């Protein structure tokens, strides 16, 4: 995977050889710190730098639905969704409906796919990803503000900046691509409920995947 600038990382699932890093050990399903929160909670504001070196703020998209996706290219649970093309398809589907999709990497530099000085040009096209921006959160401040603890970990934010869905992407907490068939995708369902003017039927789903390695947990100095 090709990334650039101060430890840029890719969210693809097929770049392990290029990164030269072993896959992260899968974590058992765990609850986020936000599991008990009201799903009408205001989404914390943030400003992060994208893979092209541009600053992107959540407030840039007020008045639009926003999906946040925490990712880690080394995680087999992430590869489950990207390898089958399911995540890319959902991204494109959402973006075509006017949703903003922000893919975030909150892992510490040097952990879970970070690559020094690589080039991100063409990454989105190469891996057919449909996200709006790939955002880097090297200090982990944004990830912690949202209580993200696994990859993947998802949030859906409505036009008024309220979190209307938190947690796992679907009801099949495995790393096997074959389990995507017949799975209930909670992000797709939340977007459909909201578009139809209905309350989100499942506002929280237990997240599953690989634990995010935050910077201070790895002895990294906050940047």
N, C-alpha and C. Protein backbone atom coordinates (compact mmCIF):
# COMPACT_ATOMS: atom_id res chain seq x y z
N UNK A 1 0.83 -1.16 0.00
CA UNK A 1 0.00 0.00 0.00
C UNK A 1 0.87 1.22 0.00
N UNK A 2 0.43 2.24 -0.66
CA UNK A 2 1.28 3.40 -0.78
C UNK A 2 0.67 4.56 -0.05
N UNK A 3 1.45 5.19 0.78
CA UNK A 3 0.99 6.34 1.53
C UNK A 3 2.08 7.38 1.52
N UNK A 4 1.80 8.62 1.94
CA UNK A 4 2.85 9.60 1.98
C UNK A 4 2.71 10.47 3.20
N UNK A 5 3.72 11.29 3.41
CA UNK A 5 3.82 12.26 4.50
C UNK A 5 3.93 11.53 5.81
N UNK A 6 4.35 12.17 6.85
CA UNK A 6 4.60 11.70 8.21
C UNK A 6 3.82 10.45 8.60
N UNK A 7 4.26 9.31 8.18
CA UNK A 7 3.66 8.03 8.59
C UNK A 7 2.25 7.88 8.09
N UNK A 8 1.98 8.08 6.81
CA UNK A 8 0.64 7.86 6.27
C UNK A 8 0.42 6.37 6.11
N UNK A 9 -0.84 5.97 6.32
CA UNK A 9 -1.10 4.56 6.20
C UNK A 9 -2.28 4.32 5.30
N UNK A 10 -2.33 3.11 4.76
CA UNK A 10 -3.43 2.74 3.91
C UNK A 10 -4.42 1.92 4.67
N UNK A 11 -5.66 1.92 4.18
CA UNK A 11 -6.68 1.10 4.82
C UNK A 11 -7.02 -0.10 3.97
N UNK A 12 -6.24 -0.41 2.94
CA UNK A 12 -6.55 -1.54 2.10
C UNK A 12 -6.27 -2.84 2.81
N UNK A 13 -6.80 -3.91 2.23
CA UNK A 13 -6.60 -5.20 2.87
C UNK A 13 -5.60 -6.07 2.13
N UNK A 14 -5.06 -5.60 1.04
CA UNK A 14 -4.17 -6.44 0.28
C UNK A 14 -2.73 -5.93 0.24
N UNK A 15 -2.33 -5.08 1.15
CA UNK A 15 -1.00 -4.49 1.07
C UNK A 15 -0.05 -5.02 2.11
N UNK A 16 -0.33 -6.15 2.68
CA UNK A 16 0.51 -6.66 3.76
C UNK A 16 1.94 -6.92 3.28
N UNK A 17 2.07 -7.48 2.09
CA UNK A 17 3.41 -7.76 1.60
C UNK A 17 4.19 -6.48 1.39
N UNK A 18 3.51 -5.46 0.84
CA UNK A 18 4.18 -4.19 0.60
C UNK A 18 4.58 -3.54 1.90
N UNK A 19 3.78 -3.68 2.93
CA UNK A 19 4.06 -3.06 4.21
C UNK A 19 5.11 -3.84 4.98
N UNK A 20 5.22 -5.12 4.69
CA UNK A 20 6.21 -5.93 5.38
C UNK A 20 5.92 -6.10 6.85
N UNK A 21 4.64 -6.06 7.23
CA UNK A 21 4.29 -6.21 8.63
C UNK A 21 3.32 -7.37 8.79
N UNK A 22 3.46 -8.14 9.86
CA UNK A 22 2.55 -9.26 10.07
C UNK A 22 1.17 -8.79 10.42
N UNK A 23 0.19 -9.65 10.17
CA UNK A 23 -1.18 -9.30 10.52
C UNK A 23 -1.33 -9.17 12.02
N UNK A 24 -2.12 -8.20 12.43
CA UNK A 24 -2.42 -8.00 13.85
C UNK A 24 -3.24 -9.18 14.35
N UNK A 25 -2.98 -9.61 15.56
CA UNK A 25 -3.77 -10.68 16.14
C UNK A 25 -5.19 -10.20 16.39
N UNK A 26 -6.19 -10.99 15.97
CA UNK A 26 -7.57 -10.57 16.19
C UNK A 26 -7.90 -10.48 17.67
N UNK A 27 -8.74 -9.52 17.99
CA UNK A 27 -9.20 -9.37 19.36
C UNK A 27 -10.58 -9.99 19.49
N UNK A 28 -10.88 -10.45 20.67
CA UNK A 28 -12.24 -10.91 20.93
C UNK A 28 -13.18 -9.71 20.88
N UNK A 29 -14.45 -9.93 20.54
CA UNK A 29 -15.39 -8.82 20.55
C UNK A 29 -15.38 -8.12 21.90
N UNK A 30 -15.31 -6.78 21.87
CA UNK A 30 -15.28 -6.01 23.10
C UNK A 30 -16.22 -4.83 22.99
N UNK A 31 -16.65 -4.33 24.13
CA UNK A 31 -17.51 -3.16 24.14
C UNK A 31 -16.68 -1.91 24.01
N UNK A 32 -17.20 -0.90 23.30
CA UNK A 32 -16.54 0.39 23.26
C UNK A 32 -16.85 1.14 24.54
N UNK A 33 -16.06 2.19 24.79
CA UNK A 33 -16.31 3.02 25.96
C UNK A 33 -17.61 3.77 25.83
N UNK A 34 -18.14 3.80 24.60
CA UNK A 34 -19.37 4.56 24.37
C UNK A 34 -20.61 3.66 24.40
N UNK A 35 -20.46 2.41 24.78
CA UNK A 35 -21.57 1.48 24.67
C UNK A 35 -22.81 1.96 25.39
N UNK A 36 -22.66 2.67 26.50
CA UNK A 36 -23.82 3.09 27.25
C UNK A 36 -24.30 4.48 26.92
N UNK A 37 -23.68 5.11 25.93
CA UNK A 37 -24.04 6.49 25.66
C UNK A 37 -25.38 6.60 24.96
N UNK A 38 -25.98 7.75 25.07
CA UNK A 38 -27.18 8.04 24.29
C UNK A 38 -26.78 8.15 22.84
N UNK A 39 -27.54 7.52 21.96
CA UNK A 39 -27.21 7.58 20.55
C UNK A 39 -27.56 8.94 19.95
N UNK A 40 -28.18 9.83 20.73
CA UNK A 40 -28.42 11.18 20.27
C UNK A 40 -27.29 12.11 20.68
N UNK A 41 -26.23 11.56 21.23
CA UNK A 41 -25.09 12.36 21.67
C UNK A 41 -24.50 13.13 20.50
N UNK A 42 -24.07 14.35 20.76
CA UNK A 42 -23.41 15.13 19.73
C UNK A 42 -22.07 14.49 19.37
N UNK A 43 -21.79 14.41 18.09
CA UNK A 43 -20.53 13.84 17.63
C UNK A 43 -19.39 14.79 17.95
N UNK A 44 -18.33 14.33 18.60
CA UNK A 44 -17.19 15.20 18.89
C UNK A 44 -16.58 15.78 17.62
N UNK A 45 -16.29 17.06 17.66
CA UNK A 45 -15.65 17.72 16.51
C UNK A 45 -14.20 17.25 16.41
N UNK A 46 -13.66 17.22 15.19
CA UNK A 46 -12.26 16.89 14.99
C UNK A 46 -11.77 17.51 13.68
N UNK A 47 -10.47 17.67 13.61
CA UNK A 47 -9.78 18.05 12.37
C UNK A 47 -8.59 17.13 12.22
N UNK A 48 -8.53 16.41 11.10
CA UNK A 48 -7.45 15.48 10.82
C UNK A 48 -6.90 15.76 9.43
N UNK A 49 -5.73 15.21 9.15
CA UNK A 49 -5.11 15.36 7.83
C UNK A 49 -5.40 14.11 7.02
N UNK A 50 -5.78 14.32 5.75
CA UNK A 50 -6.08 13.16 4.91
C UNK A 50 -4.83 12.68 4.18
N UNK A 51 -4.98 11.63 3.38
CA UNK A 51 -3.84 10.99 2.72
C UNK A 51 -3.19 11.88 1.67
N UNK A 52 -3.87 12.96 1.32
CA UNK A 52 -3.31 13.93 0.38
C UNK A 52 -2.68 15.12 1.10
N UNK A 53 -2.67 15.08 2.43
CA UNK A 53 -2.05 16.15 3.20
C UNK A 53 -2.95 17.34 3.48
N UNK A 54 -4.25 17.20 3.25
CA UNK A 54 -5.19 18.29 3.46
C UNK A 54 -5.92 18.12 4.79
N UNK A 55 -6.19 19.23 5.46
CA UNK A 55 -6.96 19.17 6.70
C UNK A 55 -8.45 18.98 6.39
N UNK A 56 -9.07 18.08 7.14
CA UNK A 56 -10.49 17.79 6.98
C UNK A 56 -11.13 17.85 8.37
N UNK A 57 -12.22 18.60 8.50
CA UNK A 57 -12.92 18.73 9.78
C UNK A 57 -14.32 18.14 9.66
N UNK A 58 -14.79 17.57 10.75
CA UNK A 58 -16.16 17.07 10.75
C UNK A 58 -17.14 18.19 10.43
N UNK A 59 -16.87 19.38 10.95
CA UNK A 59 -17.78 20.51 10.73
C UNK A 59 -17.91 20.90 9.26
N UNK A 60 -16.96 20.45 8.42
CA UNK A 60 -17.06 20.73 6.99
C UNK A 60 -18.31 20.10 6.39
N UNK A 61 -18.85 19.10 7.06
CA UNK A 61 -19.93 18.31 6.49
C UNK A 61 -21.24 18.46 7.26
N UNK A 62 -21.34 19.50 8.08
CA UNK A 62 -22.60 19.71 8.81
C UNK A 62 -23.75 19.87 7.79
N UNK A 63 -24.86 19.23 8.09
CA UNK A 63 -25.98 19.23 7.16
C UNK A 63 -26.01 18.00 6.26
N UNK A 64 -24.99 17.14 6.40
CA UNK A 64 -24.95 15.89 5.64
C UNK A 64 -24.76 14.72 6.60
N UNK A 65 -25.21 13.54 6.18
CA UNK A 65 -24.97 12.33 6.96
C UNK A 65 -23.51 11.93 6.76
N UNK A 66 -22.86 11.52 7.86
CA UNK A 66 -21.46 11.15 7.82
C UNK A 66 -21.29 9.75 8.44
N UNK A 67 -20.53 8.91 7.78
CA UNK A 67 -20.13 7.62 8.34
C UNK A 67 -18.65 7.70 8.70
N UNK A 68 -18.32 7.25 9.91
CA UNK A 68 -16.93 7.10 10.33
C UNK A 68 -16.60 5.62 10.38
N UNK A 69 -15.48 5.26 9.78
CA UNK A 69 -15.03 3.85 9.75
C UNK A 69 -13.60 3.80 10.27
N UNK A 70 -13.39 3.13 11.39
CA UNK A 70 -12.01 2.91 11.87
C UNK A 70 -11.44 1.67 11.22
N UNK A 71 -10.22 1.78 10.72
CA UNK A 71 -9.66 0.68 9.96
C UNK A 71 -8.20 0.42 10.32
N UNK A 72 -7.70 -0.70 9.87
CA UNK A 72 -6.32 -1.15 10.12
C UNK A 72 -6.04 -2.21 9.06
N UNK A 73 -5.17 -1.91 8.14
CA UNK A 73 -4.94 -2.81 7.01
C UNK A 73 -4.42 -4.17 7.42
N UNK A 74 -3.78 -4.27 8.59
CA UNK A 74 -3.20 -5.54 9.02
C UNK A 74 -4.22 -6.46 9.70
N UNK A 75 -5.41 -5.98 9.91
CA UNK A 75 -6.40 -6.73 10.69
C UNK A 75 -7.17 -7.71 9.80
N UNK A 76 -7.21 -8.99 10.15
CA UNK A 76 -7.96 -9.95 9.34
C UNK A 76 -9.45 -9.67 9.30
N UNK A 77 -9.99 -9.01 10.32
CA UNK A 77 -11.40 -8.67 10.30
C UNK A 77 -11.68 -7.57 9.27
N UNK A 78 -10.74 -6.64 9.13
CA UNK A 78 -10.85 -5.62 8.10
C UNK A 78 -10.69 -6.26 6.72
N UNK A 79 -9.73 -7.15 6.58
CA UNK A 79 -9.51 -7.81 5.29
C UNK A 79 -10.73 -8.62 4.87
N UNK A 80 -11.45 -9.14 5.85
CA UNK A 80 -12.69 -9.85 5.53
C UNK A 80 -13.62 -8.99 4.70
N UNK A 81 -13.78 -7.73 5.09
CA UNK A 81 -14.73 -6.84 4.42
C UNK A 81 -14.17 -6.25 3.14
N UNK A 82 -12.87 -5.90 3.13
CA UNK A 82 -12.27 -5.33 1.93
C UNK A 82 -11.93 -6.40 0.89
N UNK A 83 -11.47 -7.55 1.36
CA UNK A 83 -11.07 -8.60 0.43
C UNK A 83 -12.22 -9.08 -0.43
N UNK A 84 -13.40 -9.10 0.14
CA UNK A 84 -14.59 -9.52 -0.61
C UNK A 84 -15.22 -8.37 -1.38
N UNK A 85 -14.71 -7.15 -1.17
CA UNK A 85 -15.28 -5.98 -1.84
C UNK A 85 -16.53 -5.44 -1.17
N UNK A 86 -16.88 -6.02 -0.01
CA UNK A 86 -18.12 -5.60 0.64
C UNK A 86 -18.03 -4.19 1.21
N UNK A 87 -16.89 -3.85 1.81
CA UNK A 87 -16.76 -2.50 2.37
C UNK A 87 -16.75 -1.46 1.27
N UNK A 88 -16.03 -1.72 0.18
CA UNK A 88 -15.98 -0.77 -0.91
C UNK A 88 -17.38 -0.56 -1.52
N UNK A 89 -18.14 -1.65 -1.64
CA UNK A 89 -19.49 -1.55 -2.20
C UNK A 89 -20.38 -0.70 -1.31
N UNK A 90 -20.28 -0.90 0.00
CA UNK A 90 -21.09 -0.12 0.93
C UNK A 90 -20.68 1.35 0.89
N UNK A 91 -19.38 1.61 0.83
CA UNK A 91 -18.90 2.98 0.72
C UNK A 91 -19.48 3.67 -0.51
N UNK A 92 -19.37 3.02 -1.66
CA UNK A 92 -19.87 3.63 -2.89
C UNK A 92 -21.38 3.84 -2.85
N UNK A 93 -22.07 2.87 -2.31
CA UNK A 93 -23.52 2.96 -2.19
C UNK A 93 -23.91 4.17 -1.35
N UNK A 94 -23.23 4.34 -0.22
CA UNK A 94 -23.54 5.45 0.67
C UNK A 94 -23.19 6.79 0.04
N UNK A 95 -22.00 6.87 -0.55
CA UNK A 95 -21.56 8.13 -1.15
C UNK A 95 -22.48 8.53 -2.30
N UNK A 96 -22.92 7.56 -3.08
CA UNK A 96 -23.85 7.86 -4.17
C UNK A 96 -25.17 8.42 -3.65
N UNK A 97 -25.52 8.10 -2.41
CA UNK A 97 -26.73 8.63 -1.79
C UNK A 97 -26.48 9.95 -1.08
N UNK A 98 -25.28 10.52 -1.22
CA UNK A 98 -24.97 11.82 -0.63
C UNK A 98 -24.33 11.76 0.73
N UNK A 99 -24.00 10.55 1.21
CA UNK A 99 -23.36 10.38 2.52
C UNK A 99 -21.87 10.68 2.38
N UNK A 100 -21.28 11.28 3.41
CA UNK A 100 -19.83 11.48 3.48
C UNK A 100 -19.24 10.31 4.26
N UNK A 101 -18.24 9.65 3.68
CA UNK A 101 -17.64 8.47 4.34
C UNK A 101 -16.19 8.79 4.69
N UNK A 102 -15.89 8.82 5.97
CA UNK A 102 -14.55 9.13 6.45
C UNK A 102 -13.93 7.89 7.08
N UNK A 103 -12.88 7.39 6.47
CA UNK A 103 -12.15 6.23 6.98
C UNK A 103 -10.98 6.73 7.81
N UNK A 104 -10.86 6.27 9.05
CA UNK A 104 -9.91 6.83 10.00
C UNK A 104 -8.95 5.75 10.49
N UNK A 105 -7.68 6.11 10.58
CA UNK A 105 -6.67 5.22 11.16
C UNK A 105 -6.15 5.88 12.43
N UNK A 106 -6.46 5.29 13.58
CA UNK A 106 -6.06 5.85 14.87
C UNK A 106 -4.92 5.08 15.51
N UNK A 107 -4.34 4.13 14.80
CA UNK A 107 -3.22 3.36 15.33
C UNK A 107 -2.00 4.26 15.51
N UNK A 108 -1.14 3.87 16.45
CA UNK A 108 0.11 4.61 16.66
C UNK A 108 1.01 4.48 15.45
N UNK A 109 1.78 5.53 15.12
CA UNK A 109 2.78 5.41 14.05
C UNK A 109 3.69 4.21 14.30
N UNK A 110 3.91 3.42 13.25
CA UNK A 110 4.72 2.22 13.37
C UNK A 110 3.92 0.99 13.72
N UNK A 111 2.63 1.15 13.98
CA UNK A 111 1.77 0.03 14.35
C UNK A 111 0.67 -0.14 13.31
N UNK A 112 0.27 -1.38 13.08
CA UNK A 112 -0.94 -1.71 12.33
C UNK A 112 -1.00 -1.05 10.96
N UNK A 113 0.11 -1.12 10.22
CA UNK A 113 0.06 -0.68 8.84
C UNK A 113 0.69 0.65 8.54
N UNK A 114 1.15 1.39 9.54
CA UNK A 114 1.81 2.66 9.24
C UNK A 114 3.08 2.40 8.43
N UNK A 115 3.28 3.20 7.41
CA UNK A 115 4.44 3.07 6.54
C UNK A 115 5.10 4.43 6.41
N UNK A 116 6.41 4.48 6.65
CA UNK A 116 7.14 5.75 6.58
C UNK A 116 7.36 6.16 5.13
N UNK A 117 7.03 7.40 4.83
CA UNK A 117 7.43 8.02 3.58
C UNK A 117 6.92 7.37 2.32
N UNK A 118 5.83 6.66 2.37
CA UNK A 118 5.29 6.05 1.16
C UNK A 118 4.34 7.01 0.46
N UNK A 119 3.92 6.64 -0.72
CA UNK A 119 3.14 7.54 -1.57
C UNK A 119 1.70 7.05 -1.64
N UNK A 120 0.76 7.95 -1.34
CA UNK A 120 -0.65 7.58 -1.34
C UNK A 120 -1.32 7.80 -2.69
N UNK A 121 -0.61 8.39 -3.65
CA UNK A 121 -1.22 8.71 -4.93
C UNK A 121 -1.77 7.46 -5.60
N UNK A 122 -3.03 7.52 -5.97
CA UNK A 122 -3.64 6.41 -6.69
C UNK A 122 -4.16 5.29 -5.82
N UNK A 123 -3.99 5.40 -4.49
CA UNK A 123 -4.42 4.30 -3.62
C UNK A 123 -5.92 4.04 -3.74
N UNK A 124 -6.70 5.11 -3.72
CA UNK A 124 -8.15 4.95 -3.75
C UNK A 124 -8.60 4.22 -5.01
N UNK A 125 -8.04 4.59 -6.14
CA UNK A 125 -8.40 3.93 -7.40
C UNK A 125 -7.88 2.50 -7.44
N UNK A 126 -6.66 2.30 -6.95
CA UNK A 126 -6.05 0.97 -7.02
C UNK A 126 -6.86 -0.07 -6.28
N UNK A 127 -7.40 0.32 -5.13
CA UNK A 127 -8.14 -0.66 -4.33
C UNK A 127 -9.64 -0.48 -4.42
N UNK A 128 -10.07 0.38 -5.35
CA UNK A 128 -11.51 0.58 -5.62
C UNK A 128 -12.28 0.96 -4.37
N UNK A 129 -11.62 1.69 -3.47
CA UNK A 129 -12.30 2.14 -2.26
C UNK A 129 -13.23 3.30 -2.60
N UNK A 130 -14.34 3.37 -1.88
CA UNK A 130 -15.33 4.39 -2.18
C UNK A 130 -15.44 5.46 -1.11
N UNK A 131 -14.51 5.49 -0.14
CA UNK A 131 -14.62 6.47 0.92
C UNK A 131 -14.38 7.88 0.38
N UNK A 132 -14.81 8.88 1.16
CA UNK A 132 -14.61 10.27 0.78
C UNK A 132 -13.20 10.72 1.12
N UNK A 133 -12.73 10.39 2.32
CA UNK A 133 -11.37 10.73 2.76
C UNK A 133 -10.81 9.59 3.59
N UNK A 134 -9.49 9.36 3.47
CA UNK A 134 -8.73 8.52 4.39
C UNK A 134 -8.02 9.47 5.35
N UNK A 135 -8.35 9.39 6.63
CA UNK A 135 -7.86 10.36 7.62
C UNK A 135 -6.90 9.69 8.60
N UNK A 136 -5.87 10.44 9.01
CA UNK A 136 -4.85 9.93 9.91
C UNK A 136 -4.98 10.58 11.28
N UNK A 137 -5.01 9.74 12.30
CA UNK A 137 -5.19 10.17 13.69
C UNK A 137 -4.04 9.62 14.53
N UNK A 138 -2.80 10.05 14.27
CA UNK A 138 -1.64 9.41 14.91
C UNK A 138 -1.59 9.55 16.42
N UNK A 139 -2.19 10.59 17.00
CA UNK A 139 -2.21 10.72 18.45
C UNK A 139 -3.32 9.89 19.08
N UNK A 140 -4.29 9.48 18.27
CA UNK A 140 -5.44 8.73 18.78
C UNK A 140 -6.49 9.58 19.44
N UNK A 141 -6.34 10.89 19.41
CA UNK A 141 -7.29 11.77 20.11
C UNK A 141 -8.71 11.61 19.58
N UNK A 142 -8.85 11.54 18.26
CA UNK A 142 -10.18 11.41 17.68
C UNK A 142 -10.78 10.05 17.98
N UNK A 143 -9.98 9.00 17.83
CA UNK A 143 -10.49 7.66 18.12
C UNK A 143 -10.98 7.54 19.55
N UNK A 144 -10.22 8.09 20.48
CA UNK A 144 -10.64 8.03 21.88
C UNK A 144 -11.89 8.86 22.14
N UNK A 145 -12.00 9.99 21.48
CA UNK A 145 -13.18 10.84 21.68
C UNK A 145 -14.46 10.10 21.31
N UNK A 146 -14.34 9.18 20.37
CA UNK A 146 -15.50 8.40 19.93
C UNK A 146 -15.57 7.02 20.60
N UNK A 147 -14.61 6.70 21.43
CA UNK A 147 -14.62 5.40 22.09
C UNK A 147 -14.33 4.25 21.16
N UNK A 148 -13.63 4.50 20.05
CA UNK A 148 -13.31 3.43 19.11
C UNK A 148 -12.22 2.54 19.70
N UNK A 149 -12.47 1.25 19.72
CA UNK A 149 -11.49 0.31 20.28
C UNK A 149 -11.11 -0.82 19.34
N UNK A 150 -11.85 -1.01 18.28
CA UNK A 150 -11.57 -2.12 17.36
C UNK A 150 -11.54 -1.62 15.92
N UNK A 151 -11.02 -2.48 15.04
CA UNK A 151 -11.17 -2.27 13.61
C UNK A 151 -11.77 -3.53 13.02
N UNK A 152 -12.90 -3.35 12.26
CA UNK A 152 -13.60 -2.10 12.04
C UNK A 152 -14.42 -1.67 13.25
N UNK A 153 -14.70 -0.37 13.32
CA UNK A 153 -15.62 0.18 14.32
C UNK A 153 -16.30 1.34 13.63
N UNK A 154 -17.60 1.45 13.75
CA UNK A 154 -18.37 2.34 12.88
C UNK A 154 -19.19 3.35 13.69
N UNK A 155 -19.40 4.52 13.08
CA UNK A 155 -20.35 5.51 13.61
C UNK A 155 -21.14 6.07 12.43
N UNK A 156 -22.41 6.37 12.66
CA UNK A 156 -23.22 7.12 11.69
C UNK A 156 -23.69 8.38 12.39
N UNK A 157 -23.47 9.51 11.75
CA UNK A 157 -23.79 10.82 12.30
C UNK A 157 -24.83 11.48 11.40
N UNK A 158 -25.89 12.01 11.99
CA UNK A 158 -26.94 12.61 11.17
C UNK A 158 -26.61 14.06 10.78
N UNK A 159 -27.54 14.68 10.06
CA UNK A 159 -27.30 16.02 9.53
C UNK A 159 -27.13 17.07 10.62
N UNK A 160 -27.64 16.79 11.79
CA UNK A 160 -27.52 17.73 12.90
C UNK A 160 -26.31 17.44 13.79
N UNK A 161 -25.47 16.51 13.37
CA UNK A 161 -24.27 16.21 14.12
C UNK A 161 -24.47 15.30 15.30
N UNK A 162 -25.51 14.47 15.26
CA UNK A 162 -25.79 13.53 16.35
C UNK A 162 -25.42 12.11 15.93
N UNK A 163 -24.84 11.37 16.86
CA UNK A 163 -24.50 9.97 16.59
C UNK A 163 -25.78 9.14 16.66
N UNK A 164 -26.10 8.48 15.55
CA UNK A 164 -27.33 7.67 15.52
C UNK A 164 -27.03 6.18 15.42
N UNK A 165 -25.77 5.84 15.17
CA UNK A 165 -25.37 4.43 15.24
C UNK A 165 -23.94 4.36 15.73
N UNK A 166 -23.67 3.35 16.57
CA UNK A 166 -22.33 3.11 17.13
C UNK A 166 -22.06 1.62 17.14
N UNK A 167 -20.86 1.22 16.70
CA UNK A 167 -20.42 -0.15 16.97
C UNK A 167 -20.05 -0.99 15.77
N UNK A 168 -20.34 -2.28 15.87
CA UNK A 168 -19.92 -3.26 14.88
C UNK A 168 -20.67 -3.14 13.58
N UNK A 169 -20.00 -3.45 12.49
CA UNK A 169 -20.59 -3.26 11.17
C UNK A 169 -21.69 -4.27 10.86
N UNK A 170 -21.59 -5.47 11.44
CA UNK A 170 -22.61 -6.47 11.14
C UNK A 170 -22.75 -7.46 12.29
N UNK A 171 -23.58 -8.47 12.07
CA UNK A 171 -23.87 -9.43 13.13
C UNK A 171 -23.11 -10.74 12.98
N UNK A 172 -22.01 -10.71 12.23
CA UNK A 172 -21.18 -11.90 12.06
C UNK A 172 -19.77 -11.58 12.55
N UNK A 173 -19.48 -11.72 13.85
CA UNK A 173 -18.19 -11.32 14.42
C UNK A 173 -17.08 -12.33 14.15
N UNK A 174 -16.79 -12.53 12.87
CA UNK A 174 -15.73 -13.45 12.47
C UNK A 174 -14.82 -12.74 11.47
N UNK A 175 -13.71 -13.40 11.11
CA UNK A 175 -12.83 -12.86 10.07
C UNK A 175 -12.93 -13.67 8.79
N UNK A 176 -14.02 -14.43 8.62
CA UNK A 176 -14.21 -15.27 7.45
C UNK A 176 -15.08 -14.59 6.40
N UNK A 177 -14.57 -14.34 5.21
CA UNK A 177 -15.36 -13.66 4.18
C UNK A 177 -16.66 -14.38 3.85
N UNK A 178 -16.67 -15.70 3.96
CA UNK A 178 -17.89 -16.43 3.63
C UNK A 178 -19.05 -16.09 4.56
N UNK A 179 -18.72 -15.54 5.74
CA UNK A 179 -19.79 -15.19 6.68
C UNK A 179 -20.49 -13.88 6.33
N UNK A 180 -20.00 -13.18 5.30
CA UNK A 180 -20.68 -11.97 4.86
C UNK A 180 -22.05 -12.29 4.24
N UNK A 181 -22.13 -13.45 3.62
CA UNK A 181 -23.40 -13.83 3.00
C UNK A 181 -24.47 -14.04 4.06
N UNK A 182 -25.55 -13.31 3.92
CA UNK A 182 -26.66 -13.42 4.87
C UNK A 182 -26.50 -12.60 6.12
N UNK A 183 -25.38 -11.88 6.26
CA UNK A 183 -25.17 -11.05 7.46
C UNK A 183 -26.06 -9.81 7.40
N UNK A 184 -26.45 -9.32 8.58
CA UNK A 184 -27.15 -8.05 8.68
C UNK A 184 -26.12 -6.95 8.85
N UNK A 185 -26.04 -6.04 7.88
CA UNK A 185 -25.11 -4.93 7.95
C UNK A 185 -25.81 -3.77 8.67
N UNK A 186 -25.36 -3.48 9.89
CA UNK A 186 -26.03 -2.49 10.71
C UNK A 186 -25.83 -1.06 10.19
N UNK A 187 -24.72 -0.81 9.51
CA UNK A 187 -24.50 0.52 8.95
C UNK A 187 -25.47 0.77 7.80
N UNK A 188 -25.58 -0.19 6.91
CA UNK A 188 -26.54 -0.05 5.81
C UNK A 188 -27.96 0.11 6.35
N UNK A 189 -28.30 -0.67 7.36
CA UNK A 189 -29.65 -0.59 7.93
C UNK A 189 -29.90 0.76 8.59
N UNK A 190 -28.89 1.28 9.31
CA UNK A 190 -29.04 2.59 9.96
C UNK A 190 -29.24 3.70 8.93
N UNK A 191 -28.46 3.64 7.85
CA UNK A 191 -28.61 4.65 6.79
C UNK A 191 -29.99 4.56 6.15
N UNK A 192 -30.47 3.34 5.93
CA UNK A 192 -31.80 3.17 5.34
C UNK A 192 -32.89 3.68 6.26
N UNK A 193 -32.79 3.36 7.55
CA UNK A 193 -33.79 3.85 8.51
C UNK A 193 -33.81 5.37 8.52
N UNK A 194 -32.64 5.97 8.57
CA UNK A 194 -32.57 7.42 8.65
C UNK A 194 -33.11 8.07 7.38
N UNK A 195 -32.76 7.52 6.23
CA UNK A 195 -33.24 8.08 4.96
C UNK A 195 -34.75 8.01 4.85
N UNK A 196 -35.34 6.98 5.47
CA UNK A 196 -36.79 6.80 5.43
C UNK A 196 -37.51 7.59 6.52
N UNK A 197 -36.75 8.30 7.36
CA UNK A 197 -37.36 9.08 8.42
C UNK A 197 -37.75 8.26 9.63
N UNK A 198 -37.21 7.04 9.73
CA UNK A 198 -37.51 6.18 10.88
C UNK A 198 -36.41 6.28 11.92
N UNK A 199 -36.73 6.04 13.19
CA UNK A 199 -35.66 5.88 14.18
C UNK A 199 -34.80 4.69 13.79
N UNK A 200 -33.52 4.75 14.06
CA UNK A 200 -32.62 3.64 13.75
C UNK A 200 -32.99 2.46 14.64
N UNK A 201 -33.31 1.34 14.01
CA UNK A 201 -33.78 0.17 14.75
C UNK A 201 -32.70 -0.41 15.65
N UNK A 202 -31.46 -0.39 15.19
CA UNK A 202 -30.33 -0.90 15.98
C UNK A 202 -29.31 0.22 16.12
N UNK A 203 -29.43 1.04 17.17
CA UNK A 203 -28.51 2.17 17.32
C UNK A 203 -27.14 1.78 17.87
N UNK A 204 -27.03 0.58 18.46
CA UNK A 204 -25.75 0.10 18.95
C UNK A 204 -25.61 -1.38 18.63
N UNK A 205 -24.43 -1.75 18.13
CA UNK A 205 -24.11 -3.16 17.89
C UNK A 205 -22.74 -3.43 18.47
N UNK A 206 -22.60 -4.59 19.09
CA UNK A 206 -21.31 -4.95 19.70
C UNK A 206 -20.21 -4.92 18.65
N UNK A 207 -19.17 -4.10 18.83
CA UNK A 207 -18.07 -4.08 17.87
C UNK A 207 -17.20 -5.33 18.00
N UNK A 208 -16.54 -5.67 16.92
CA UNK A 208 -15.61 -6.81 16.95
C UNK A 208 -14.45 -6.49 16.02
N UNK A 209 -13.34 -7.17 16.24
CA UNK A 209 -12.20 -7.00 15.36
C UNK A 209 -10.90 -6.97 16.12
N UNK A 210 -9.92 -6.21 15.60
CA UNK A 210 -8.60 -6.09 16.22
C UNK A 210 -8.56 -4.84 17.08
N UNK A 211 -7.95 -4.94 18.24
CA UNK A 211 -7.86 -3.79 19.13
C UNK A 211 -6.96 -2.72 18.52
N UNK A 212 -7.41 -1.47 18.59
CA UNK A 212 -6.60 -0.35 18.10
C UNK A 212 -5.42 -0.14 19.04
N UNK A 213 -4.22 -0.05 18.49
CA UNK A 213 -3.03 0.23 19.29
C UNK A 213 -2.81 1.74 19.32
N UNK A 214 -3.32 2.36 20.36
CA UNK A 214 -3.18 3.81 20.50
C UNK A 214 -1.75 4.18 20.87
N UNK A 215 -1.38 5.43 20.54
CA UNK A 215 0.01 5.87 20.66
C UNK A 215 0.54 5.73 22.08
N UNK A 216 -0.15 6.26 23.08
CA UNK A 216 0.40 6.23 24.43
C UNK A 216 0.46 4.82 25.00
N UNK A 217 -0.36 3.93 24.45
CA UNK A 217 -0.30 2.53 24.88
C UNK A 217 0.94 1.84 24.33
N UNK A 218 1.56 2.44 23.31
CA UNK A 218 2.76 1.86 22.71
C UNK A 218 4.02 2.61 23.14
N UNK A 219 3.86 3.50 24.12
CA UNK A 219 5.01 4.27 24.57
C UNK A 219 5.41 5.37 23.61
N UNK A 220 4.47 5.75 22.71
CA UNK A 220 4.75 6.79 21.75
C UNK A 220 4.47 8.15 22.36
N UNK A 221 5.30 9.11 22.07
CA UNK A 221 5.01 10.47 22.51
C UNK A 221 3.94 11.06 21.64
N UNK A 222 3.01 11.76 22.25
CA UNK A 222 1.94 12.39 21.48
C UNK A 222 2.54 13.43 20.56
N UNK A 223 2.09 13.41 19.30
CA UNK A 223 2.62 14.36 18.33
C UNK A 223 1.91 15.70 18.47
